[in-house]
Amino acid sequence: MTISELDDYSHDRWEGILGFMVNSSEVLLEGEEPATPPSQFVIKLLQGGGLIDVSGTASRGQTATVTREGFAFVLQDINT
């Protein structure tokens, strides 16, 4: 895997996590793929960290509600 591929992969995963946290519906440019949603492990990690509250089930779809701490997390610089 090249550095560029690794960078693209990590960016896609990060955008998927942030999008899930704020329950965003992305507007995609032509030819763009939607970001990959986070795994159940990452969702549980975000819940355990107090960054989101989740309603719904994994099989029917889950909806996240970002907490105050989660909102502060989303606004931080990506490197932070």
Protein backbone atom coordinates (compact mmCIF):
# COMPACT_ATOMS: atom_id res chain seq x y z
CA MET A 1 0.00 0.00 0.00
CA THR A 2 1.38 3.38 -0.96
CA ILE A 3 1.35 6.44 1.29
CA SER A 4 -1.25 8.02 -0.97
CA GLU A 5 -3.51 4.95 -0.73
CA LEU A 6 -3.12 4.86 3.05
CA ASP A 7 -3.93 8.57 3.26
CA ASP A 8 -7.06 8.11 1.12
CA TYR A 9 -8.15 5.10 3.20
CA SER A 10 -7.71 6.89 6.52
CA HIS A 11 -9.46 10.02 5.23
CA ASP A 12 -12.44 7.95 4.07
CA ARG A 13 -12.70 6.20 7.45
CA TRP A 14 -12.38 9.48 9.35
CA GLU A 15 -15.09 11.16 7.26
CA GLY A 16 -17.34 8.13 7.83
CA ILE A 17 -16.93 8.44 11.60
CA LEU A 18 -17.58 12.19 11.63
CA GLY A 19 -20.54 11.81 9.27
CA PHE A 20 -22.06 9.13 11.49
CA MET A 21 -21.55 11.24 14.60
CA VAL A 22 -23.40 14.24 13.22
CA ASN A 23 -25.89 12.13 11.23
CA SER A 24 -24.98 13.99 8.05
CA SER A 25 -26.33 13.34 4.60
CA GLU A 26 -23.40 14.11 2.38
CA VAL A 27 -23.70 15.88 -0.92
CA LEU A 28 -21.40 13.99 -3.23
CA LEU A 29 -19.68 15.42 -6.26
CA GLU A 30 -19.95 13.50 -9.51
CA GLY A 31 -17.83 10.36 -9.33
CA GLU A 32 -17.34 10.54 -5.56
CA GLU A 33 -18.06 7.54 -3.38
CA PRO A 34 -19.79 7.95 0.00
CA ALA A 35 -17.56 7.60 3.05
CA THR A 36 -17.46 4.20 4.73
CA PRO A 37 -19.60 4.11 7.88
CA PRO A 38 -17.83 3.12 11.11
CA SER A 39 -17.77 -0.45 12.37
CA GLN A 40 -19.84 -1.54 15.37
CA PHE A 41 -16.66 -1.53 17.46
CA VAL A 42 -15.98 2.13 16.61
CA ILE A 43 -19.63 3.03 17.34
CA LYS A 44 -19.36 1.37 20.76
CA LEU A 45 -16.06 3.20 21.33
CA LEU A 46 -17.70 6.56 20.52
CA GLN A 47 -20.58 5.69 22.86
CA GLY A 48 -18.24 4.59 25.63
CA GLY A 49 -16.29 7.83 25.27
CA GLY A 50 -19.48 9.83 25.71
CA LEU A 51 -19.21 11.37 22.24
CA ILE A 52 -22.54 10.04 20.91
CA ASP A 53 -25.82 8.53 22.01
CA VAL A 54 -27.17 5.87 19.62
CA SER A 55 -30.73 4.85 18.90
CA GLY A 56 -31.87 1.99 16.67
CA THR A 57 -30.31 -1.39 15.98
CA ALA A 58 -27.40 -2.49 13.85
CA SER A 59 -29.67 -4.54 11.58
CA ARG A 60 -32.22 -1.76 11.04
CA GLY A 61 -29.80 1.14 11.05
CA GLN A 62 -28.50 3.22 13.86
CA THR A 63 -28.84 6.93 14.35
CA ALA A 64 -26.29 8.87 16.37
CA THR A 65 -26.96 11.95 18.41
CA VAL A 66 -23.79 13.87 19.11
CA THR A 67 -23.23 14.91 22.72
CA ARG A 68 -21.71 18.19 23.88
CA GLU A 69 -18.35 16.45 24.23
CA GLY A 70 -18.79 14.87 20.80
CA PHE A 71 -19.53 18.22 19.22
CA ALA A 72 -16.32 19.64 20.67
CA PHE A 73 -14.49 16.56 19.33
CA VAL A 74 -15.90 17.02 15.81
CA LEU A 75 -14.78 20.67 15.73
CA GLN A 76 -11.18 19.85 16.61
CA ASP A 77 -8.38 19.92 14.06
CA ILE A 78 -7.99 16.51 12.37
CA ASN A 79 -4.49 16.06 13.80
CA THR A 80 -5.68 16.76 17.33
